[in-house]
Amino acid sequence: MIQTAKEFLKRDESGVYNEIDITHAMIEFAKLHVEAALKEAVEKAKIKYEYSGNTGSEYCDEYVDHNSILNAYPLTNIK
């Protein structure tokens, strides 16, 4: 489970943050979530099939279902 933003910041026990510290923490926190989102997208991506031709089943086109990617990592995971 990825740490919440509050837990992530508490890694520095001093509790004193300057602009550089906060910027660095925000970037690192974002990287954690982007990495998790990409892993989820790989696992949850689905293929859609579209058939066409005279009978409607002669040719089959395959493509990634965009919604399966967009919905793979809910924004509620970022806390």
PDB file of N, CA and C in Angstrom:
ATOM      1  N   MET A   1       0.854  -1.184   0.000  1.00  0.00           N
ATOM      2  CA  MET A   1       0.000   0.000   0.000  1.00  0.00           C
ATOM      3  C   MET A   1       0.897   1.244   0.000  1.00  0.00           C
ATOM      4  N   ILE A   2       0.575   2.189  -0.811  1.00  0.00           N
ATOM      5  CA  ILE A   2       1.335   3.435  -0.887  1.00  0.00           C
ATOM      6  C   ILE A   2       0.955   4.325   0.294  1.00  0.00           C
ATOM      7  N   GLN A   3       1.955   4.979   0.832  1.00  0.00           N
ATOM      8  CA  GLN A   3       1.729   5.875   1.967  1.00  0.00           C
ATOM      9  C   GLN A   3       0.828   7.035   1.560  1.00  0.00           C
ATOM     10  N   THR A   4       0.107   7.556   2.555  1.00  0.00           N
ATOM     11  CA  THR A   4      -0.650   8.791   2.329  1.00  0.00           C
ATOM     12  C   THR A   4       0.353   9.937   2.276  1.00  0.00           C
ATOM     13  N   ALA A   5      -0.085  11.091   1.812  1.00  0.00           N
ATOM     14  CA  ALA A   5       0.795  12.259   1.743  1.00  0.00           C
ATOM     15  C   ALA A   5       1.320  12.608   3.136  1.00  0.00           C
ATOM     16  N   LYS A   6       0.455  12.509   4.126  1.00  0.00           N
ATOM     17  CA  LYS A   6       0.853  12.837   5.500  1.00  0.00           C
ATOM     18  C   LYS A   6       1.922  11.868   5.994  1.00  0.00           C
ATOM     19  N   GLU A   7       1.723  10.579   5.747  1.00  0.00           N
ATOM     20  CA  GLU A   7       2.706   9.578   6.151  1.00  0.00           C
ATOM     21  C   GLU A   7       4.024   9.785   5.407  1.00  0.00           C
ATOM     22  N   PHE A   8       3.922  10.124   4.139  1.00  0.00           N
ATOM     23  CA  PHE A   8       5.113  10.345   3.320  1.00  0.00           C
ATOM     24  C   PHE A   8       5.952  11.491   3.883  1.00  0.00           C
ATOM     25  N   LEU A   9       5.289  12.569   4.274  1.00  0.00           N
ATOM     26  CA  LEU A   9       6.009  13.716   4.825  1.00  0.00           C
ATOM     27  C   LEU A   9       6.603  13.424   6.198  1.00  0.00           C
ATOM     28  N   LYS A  10       5.973  12.548   6.956  1.00  0.00           N
ATOM     29  CA  LYS A  10       6.461  12.235   8.302  1.00  0.00           C
ATOM     30  C   LYS A  10       7.755  11.431   8.295  1.00  0.00           C
ATOM     31  N   ARG A  11       8.253  11.070   7.097  1.00  0.00           N
ATOM     32  CA  ARG A  11       9.543  10.382   7.035  1.00  0.00           C
ATOM     33  C   ARG A  11      10.625  11.261   7.644  1.00  0.00           C
ATOM     34  N   ASP A  12      10.481  12.583   7.480  1.00  0.00           N
ATOM     35  CA  ASP A  12      11.417  13.542   8.081  1.00  0.00           C
ATOM     36  C   ASP A  12      10.860  13.887   9.454  1.00  0.00           C
ATOM     37  N   GLU A  13      11.450  13.324  10.469  1.00  0.00           N
ATOM     38  CA  GLU A  13      10.917  13.472  11.825  1.00  0.00           C
ATOM     39  C   GLU A  13      11.071  14.866  12.397  1.00  0.00           C
ATOM     40  N   SER A  14      11.867  15.718  11.750  1.00  0.00           N
ATOM     41  CA  SER A  14      12.059  17.060  12.292  1.00  0.00           C
ATOM     42  C   SER A  14      10.782  17.887  12.190  1.00  0.00           C
ATOM     43  N   GLY A  15       9.968  17.596  11.184  1.00  0.00           N
ATOM     44  CA  GLY A  15       8.735  18.364  11.001  1.00  0.00           C
ATOM     45  C   GLY A  15       8.970  19.765  10.472  1.00  0.00           C
ATOM     46  N   VAL A  16      10.204  20.063  10.108  1.00  0.00           N
ATOM     47  CA  VAL A  16      10.539  21.387   9.578  1.00  0.00           C
ATOM     48  C   VAL A  16      10.814  21.229   8.090  1.00  0.00           C
ATOM     49  N   TYR A  17      10.039  21.946   7.285  1.00  0.00           N
ATOM     50  CA  TYR A  17      10.150  21.807   5.837  1.00  0.00           C
ATOM     51  C   TYR A  17      10.352  23.166   5.194  1.00  0.00           C
ATOM     52  N   ASN A  18      11.262  23.210   4.251  1.00  0.00           N
ATOM     53  CA  ASN A  18      11.403  24.427   3.463  1.00  0.00           C
ATOM     54  C   ASN A  18      10.853  24.159   2.064  1.00  0.00           C
ATOM     55  N   GLU A  19      10.895  25.141   1.218  1.00  0.00           N
ATOM     56  CA  GLU A  19      10.323  25.007  -0.132  1.00  0.00           C
ATOM     57  C   GLU A  19      10.974  23.869  -0.914  1.00  0.00           C
ATOM     58  N   ILE A  20      12.267  23.700  -0.778  1.00  0.00           N
ATOM     59  CA  ILE A  20      12.975  22.630  -1.497  1.00  0.00           C
ATOM     60  C   ILE A  20      12.528  21.265  -0.993  1.00  0.00           C
ATOM     61  N   ASP A  21      12.407  21.117   0.333  1.00  0.00           N
ATOM     62  CA  ASP A  21      11.952  19.848   0.907  1.00  0.00           C
ATOM     63  C   ASP A  21      10.558  19.483   0.407  1.00  0.00           C
ATOM     64  N   ILE A  22       9.671  20.456   0.413  1.00  0.00           N
ATOM     65  CA  ILE A  22       8.285  20.212   0.011  1.00  0.00           C
ATOM     66  C   ILE A  22       8.219  19.874  -1.473  1.00  0.00           C
ATOM     67  N   THR A  23       8.966  20.603  -2.278  1.00  0.00           N
ATOM     68  CA  THR A  23       8.990  20.331  -3.716  1.00  0.00           C
ATOM     69  C   THR A  23       9.498  18.920  -3.980  1.00  0.00           C
ATOM     70  N   HIS A  24      10.579  18.553  -3.328  1.00  0.00           N
ATOM     71  CA  HIS A  24      11.145  17.210  -3.498  1.00  0.00           C
ATOM     72  C   HIS A  24      10.137  16.143  -3.062  1.00  0.00           C
ATOM     73  N   ALA A  25       9.497  16.348  -1.931  1.00  0.00           N
ATOM     74  CA  ALA A  25       8.525  15.382  -1.423  1.00  0.00           C
ATOM     75  C   ALA A  25       7.344  15.242  -2.382  1.00  0.00           C
ATOM     76  N   MET A  26       6.875  16.350  -2.934  1.00  0.00           N
ATOM     77  CA  MET A  26       5.744  16.291  -3.871  1.00  0.00           C
ATOM     78  C   MET A  26       6.113  15.498  -5.123  1.00  0.00           C
ATOM     79  N   ILE A  27       7.316  15.718  -5.613  1.00  0.00           N
ATOM     80  CA  ILE A  27       7.762  14.997  -6.812  1.00  0.00           C
ATOM     81  C   ILE A  27       7.887  13.502  -6.520  1.00  0.00           C
ATOM     82  N   GLU A  28       8.492  13.157  -5.405  1.00  0.00           N
ATOM     83  CA  GLU A  28       8.653  11.746  -5.045  1.00  0.00           C
ATOM     84  C   GLU A  28       7.298  11.073  -4.818  1.00  0.00           C
ATOM     85  N   PHE A  29       6.375  11.767  -4.167  1.00  0.00           N
ATOM     86  CA  PHE A  29       5.036  11.233  -3.926  1.00  0.00           C
ATOM     87  C   PHE A  29       4.315  11.002  -5.251  1.00  0.00           C
ATOM     88  N   ALA A  30       4.433  11.950  -6.167  1.00  0.00           N
ATOM     89  CA  ALA A  30       3.808  11.801  -7.492  1.00  0.00           C
ATOM     90  C   ALA A  30       4.409  10.611  -8.240  1.00  0.00           C
ATOM     91  N   LYS A  31       5.721  10.456  -8.164  1.00  0.00           N
ATOM     92  CA  LYS A  31       6.375   9.329  -8.840  1.00  0.00           C
ATOM     93  C   LYS A  31       5.844   7.991  -8.331  1.00  0.00           C
ATOM     94  N   LEU A  32       5.654   7.882  -7.018  1.00  0.00           N
ATOM     95  CA  LEU A  32       5.117   6.644  -6.450  1.00  0.00           C
ATOM     96  C   LEU A  32       3.756   6.308  -7.050  1.00  0.00           C
ATOM     97  N   HIS A  33       2.912   7.324  -7.165  1.00  0.00           N
ATOM     98  CA  HIS A  33       1.565   7.082  -7.679  1.00  0.00           C
ATOM     99  C   HIS A  33       1.554   6.849  -9.189  1.00  0.00           C
ATOM    100  N   VAL A  34       2.405   7.519  -9.919  1.00  0.00           N
ATOM    101  CA  VAL A  34       2.470   7.278 -11.370  1.00  0.00           C
ATOM    102  C   VAL A  34       2.947   5.857 -11.628  1.00  0.00           C
ATOM    103  N   GLU A  35       3.957   5.425 -10.900  1.00  0.00           N
ATOM    104  CA  GLU A  35       4.451   4.070 -11.058  1.00  0.00           C
ATOM    105  C   GLU A  35       3.359   3.048 -10.732  1.00  0.00           C
ATOM    106  N   ALA A  36       2.640   3.268  -9.651  1.00  0.00           N
ATOM    107  CA  ALA A  36       1.548   2.363  -9.276  1.00  0.00           C
ATOM    108  C   ALA A  36       0.441   2.377 -10.327  1.00  0.00           C
ATOM    109  N   ALA A  37       0.131   3.551 -10.849  1.00  0.00           N
ATOM    110  CA  ALA A  37      -0.917   3.670 -11.865  1.00  0.00           C
ATOM    111  C   ALA A  37      -0.534   2.926 -13.135  1.00  0.00           C
ATOM    112  N   LEU A  38       0.708   3.051 -13.545  1.00  0.00           N
ATOM    113  CA  LEU A  38       1.142   2.354 -14.755  1.00  0.00           C
ATOM    114  C   LEU A  38       1.113   0.841 -14.569  1.00  0.00           C
ATOM    115  N   LYS A  39       1.502   0.361 -13.405  1.00  0.00           N
ATOM    116  CA  LYS A  39       1.450  -1.073 -13.137  1.00  0.00           C
ATOM    117  C   LYS A  39       0.008  -1.574 -13.183  1.00  0.00           C
ATOM    118  N   GLU A  40      -0.890  -0.821 -12.585  1.00  0.00           N
ATOM    119  CA  GLU A  40      -2.307  -1.198 -12.602  1.00  0.00           C
ATOM    120  C   GLU A  40      -2.855  -1.198 -14.028  1.00  0.00           C
ATOM    121  N   ALA A  41      -2.459  -0.210 -14.817  1.00  0.00           N
ATOM    122  CA  ALA A  41      -2.934  -0.124 -16.203  1.00  0.00           C
ATOM    123  C   ALA A  41      -2.472  -1.339 -16.999  1.00  0.00           C
ATOM    124  N   VAL A  42      -1.244  -1.761 -16.789  1.00  0.00           N
ATOM    125  CA  VAL A  42      -0.739  -2.942 -17.489  1.00  0.00           C
ATOM    126  C   VAL A  42      -1.554  -4.173 -17.109  1.00  0.00           C
ATOM    127  N   GLU A  43      -1.848  -4.299 -15.831  1.00  0.00           N
ATOM    128  CA  GLU A  43      -2.585  -5.472 -15.355  1.00  0.00           C
ATOM    129  C   GLU A  43      -4.061  -5.451 -15.761  1.00  0.00           C
ATOM    130  N   LYS A  44      -4.651  -4.271 -15.852  1.00  0.00           N
ATOM    131  CA  LYS A  44      -6.090  -4.174 -16.070  1.00  0.00           C
ATOM    132  C   LYS A  44      -6.490  -3.813 -17.495  1.00  0.00           C
ATOM    133  N   ALA A  45      -5.534  -3.610 -18.380  1.00  0.00           N
ATOM    134  CA  ALA A  45      -5.859  -3.256 -19.767  1.00  0.00           C
ATOM    135  C   ALA A  45      -6.623  -4.407 -20.412  1.00  0.00           C
ATOM    136  N   LYS A  46      -7.626  -4.059 -21.167  1.00  0.00           N
ATOM    137  CA  LYS A  46      -8.447  -5.062 -21.836  1.00  0.00           C
ATOM    138  C   LYS A  46      -8.449  -4.802 -23.339  1.00  0.00           C
ATOM    139  N   ILE A  47      -8.579  -5.877 -24.074  1.00  0.00           N
ATOM    140  CA  ILE A  47      -8.648  -5.795 -25.523  1.00  0.00           C
ATOM    141  C   ILE A  47     -10.116  -5.844 -25.938  1.00  0.00           C
ATOM    142  N   LYS A  48     -10.480  -4.975 -26.872  1.00  0.00           N
ATOM    143  CA  LYS A  48     -11.818  -5.016 -27.456  1.00  0.00           C
ATOM    144  C   LYS A  48     -11.691  -5.577 -28.864  1.00  0.00           C
ATOM    145  N   TYR A  49     -12.705  -6.274 -29.283  1.00  0.00           N
ATOM    146  CA  TYR A  49     -12.722  -6.862 -30.610  1.00  0.00           C
ATOM    147  C   TYR A  49     -13.859  -6.235 -31.406  1.00  0.00           C
ATOM    148  N   GLU A  50     -13.568  -5.888 -32.632  1.00  0.00           N
ATOM    149  CA  GLU A  50     -14.591  -5.315 -33.503  1.00  0.00           C
ATOM    150  C   GLU A  50     -14.595  -6.124 -34.797  1.00  0.00           C
ATOM    151  N   TYR A  51     -15.738  -6.707 -35.092  1.00  0.00           N
ATOM    152  CA  TYR A  51     -15.851  -7.555 -36.274  1.00  0.00           C
ATOM    153  C   TYR A  51     -16.499  -6.773 -37.399  1.00  0.00           C
ATOM    154  N   SER A  52     -16.048  -7.050 -38.615  1.00  0.00           N
ATOM    155  CA  SER A  52     -16.618  -6.372 -39.783  1.00  0.00           C
ATOM    156  C   SER A  52     -16.573  -7.316 -40.982  1.00  0.00           C
ATOM    157  N   GLY A  53     -17.040  -6.843 -42.097  1.00  0.00           N
ATOM    158  CA  GLY A  53     -17.101  -7.641 -43.319  1.00  0.00           C
ATOM    159  C   GLY A  53     -18.537  -7.848 -43.731  1.00  0.00           C
ATOM    160  N   ASN A  54     -18.736  -8.562 -44.807  1.00  0.00           N
ATOM    161  CA  ASN A  54     -20.090  -8.791 -45.331  1.00  0.00           C
ATOM    162  C   ASN A  54     -21.009  -9.461 -44.325  1.00  0.00           C
ATOM    163  N   THR A  55     -20.468 -10.421 -43.586  1.00  0.00           N
ATOM    164  CA  THR A  55     -21.305 -11.141 -42.618  1.00  0.00           C
ATOM    165  C   THR A  55     -21.178 -10.556 -41.217  1.00  0.00           C
ATOM    166  N   GLY A  56     -20.294  -9.596 -41.076  1.00  0.00           N
ATOM    167  CA  GLY A  56     -20.090  -8.995 -39.763  1.00  0.00           C
ATOM    168  C   GLY A  56     -19.130  -9.771 -38.893  1.00  0.00           C
ATOM    169  N   SER A  57     -18.548 -10.835 -39.441  1.00  0.00           N
ATOM    170  CA  SER A  57     -17.606 -11.612 -38.639  1.00  0.00           C
ATOM    171  C   SER A  57     -16.385 -12.060 -39.442  1.00  0.00           C
ATOM    172  N   GLU A  58     -16.206 -11.491 -40.611  1.00  0.00           N
ATOM    173  CA  GLU A  58     -15.085 -11.914 -41.456  1.00  0.00           C
ATOM    174  C   GLU A  58     -13.749 -11.345 -40.991  1.00  0.00           C
ATOM    175  N   TYR A  59     -13.766 -10.120 -40.509  1.00  0.00           N
ATOM    176  CA  TYR A  59     -12.530  -9.462 -40.101  1.00  0.00           C
ATOM    177  C   TYR A  59     -12.639  -9.058 -38.629  1.00  0.00           C
ATOM    178  N   CYS A  60     -11.575  -9.256 -37.940  1.00  0.00           N
ATOM    179  CA  CYS A  60     -11.579  -8.909 -36.522  1.00  0.00           C
ATOM    180  C   CYS A  60     -10.456  -7.920 -36.249  1.00  0.00           C
ATOM    181  N   ASP A  61     -10.825  -6.740 -35.790  1.00  0.00           N
ATOM    182  CA  ASP A  61      -9.844  -5.747 -35.370  1.00  0.00           C
ATOM    183  C   ASP A  61      -9.762  -5.782 -33.853  1.00  0.00           C
ATOM    184  N   GLU A  62      -8.563  -5.722 -33.349  1.00  0.00           N
ATOM    185  CA  GLU A  62      -8.350  -5.699 -31.905  1.00  0.00           C
ATOM    186  C   GLU A  62      -7.782  -4.344 -31.524  1.00  0.00           C
ATOM    187  N   TYR A  63      -8.261  -3.805 -30.410  1.00  0.00           N
ATOM    188  CA  TYR A  63      -7.701  -2.553 -29.908  1.00  0.00           C
ATOM    189  C   TYR A  63      -7.870  -2.498 -28.397  1.00  0.00           C
ATOM    190  N   VAL A  64      -7.035  -1.686 -27.781  1.00  0.00           N
ATOM    191  CA  VAL A  64      -7.083  -1.553 -26.325  1.00  0.00           C
ATOM    192  C   VAL A  64      -8.302  -0.717 -25.954  1.00  0.00           C
ATOM    193  N   ASP A  65      -9.022  -1.206 -24.990  1.00  0.00           N
ATOM    194  CA  ASP A  65     -10.173  -0.467 -24.468  1.00  0.00           C
ATOM    195  C   ASP A  65      -9.635   0.694 -23.630  1.00  0.00           C
ATOM    196  N   HIS A  66      -9.780   1.903 -24.132  1.00  0.00           N
ATOM    197  CA  HIS A  66      -9.241   3.088 -23.456  1.00  0.00           C
ATOM    198  C   HIS A  66      -9.773   3.239 -22.038  1.00  0.00           C
ATOM    199  N   ASN A  67     -11.033   2.914 -21.836  1.00  0.00           N
ATOM    200  CA  ASN A  67     -11.615   3.039 -20.492  1.00  0.00           C
ATOM    201  C   ASN A  67     -10.962   2.095 -19.494  1.00  0.00           C
ATOM    202  N   SER A  68     -10.497   0.940 -19.959  1.00  0.00           N
ATOM    203  CA  SER A  68      -9.832   0.022 -19.031  1.00  0.00           C
ATOM    204  C   SER A  68      -8.523   0.623 -18.535  1.00  0.00           C
ATOM    205  N   ILE A  69      -7.878   1.446 -19.351  1.00  0.00           N
ATOM    206  CA  ILE A  69      -6.651   2.128 -18.938  1.00  0.00           C
ATOM    207  C   ILE A  69      -6.992   3.310 -18.034  1.00  0.00           C
ATOM    208  N   LEU A  70      -7.932   4.132 -18.481  1.00  0.00           N
ATOM    209  CA  LEU A  70      -8.272   5.344 -17.736  1.00  0.00           C
ATOM    210  C   LEU A  70      -8.844   5.048 -16.355  1.00  0.00           C
ATOM    211  N   ASN A  71      -9.492   3.915 -16.206  1.00  0.00           N
ATOM    212  CA  ASN A  71     -10.109   3.568 -14.927  1.00  0.00           C
ATOM    213  C   ASN A  71      -9.272   2.596 -14.101  1.00  0.00           C
ATOM    214  N   ALA A  72      -8.078   2.274 -14.561  1.00  0.00           N
ATOM    215  CA  ALA A  72      -7.252   1.271 -13.883  1.00  0.00           C
ATOM    216  C   ALA A  72      -6.784   1.728 -12.501  1.00  0.00           C
ATOM    217  N   TYR A  73      -6.547   3.008 -12.335  1.00  0.00           N
ATOM    218  CA  TYR A  73      -6.016   3.517 -11.059  1.00  0.00           C
ATOM    219  C   TYR A  73      -6.897   4.659 -10.589  1.00  0.00           C
ATOM    220  N   PRO A  74      -7.812   4.377  -9.673  1.00  0.00           N
ATOM    221  CA  PRO A  74      -8.730   5.422  -9.220  1.00  0.00           C
ATOM    222  C   PRO A  74      -8.015   6.534  -8.465  1.00  0.00           C
ATOM    223  N   LEU A  75      -8.450   7.753  -8.682  1.00  0.00           N
ATOM    224  CA  LEU A  75      -7.854   8.913  -8.011  1.00  0.00           C
ATOM    225  C   LEU A  75      -8.026   8.850  -6.498  1.00  0.00           C
ATOM    226  N   THR A  76      -8.960   8.052  -6.037  1.00  0.00           N
ATOM    227  CA  THR A  76      -9.148   7.915  -4.596  1.00  0.00           C
ATOM    228  C   THR A  76      -7.962   7.208  -3.945  1.00  0.00           C
ATOM    229  N   ASN A  77      -7.068   6.600  -4.739  1.00  0.00           N
ATOM    230  CA  ASN A  77      -5.851   6.002  -4.192  1.00  0.00           C
ATOM    231  C   ASN A  77      -4.871   7.057  -3.701  1.00  0.00           C
ATOM    232  N   ILE A  78      -5.024   8.287  -4.170  1.00  0.00           N
ATOM    233  CA  ILE A  78      -4.113   9.364  -3.780  1.00  0.00           C
ATOM    234  C   ILE A  78      -4.708  10.076  -2.583  1.00  0.00           C
ATOM    235  N   LYS A  79      -4.044   9.958  -1.455  1.00  0.00           N
ATOM    236  CA  LYS A  79      -4.588  10.505  -0.202  1.00  0.00           C
ATOM    237  C   LYS A  79      -3.560  11.418   0.442  1.00  0.00           C
TER     238      LYS A  79
END
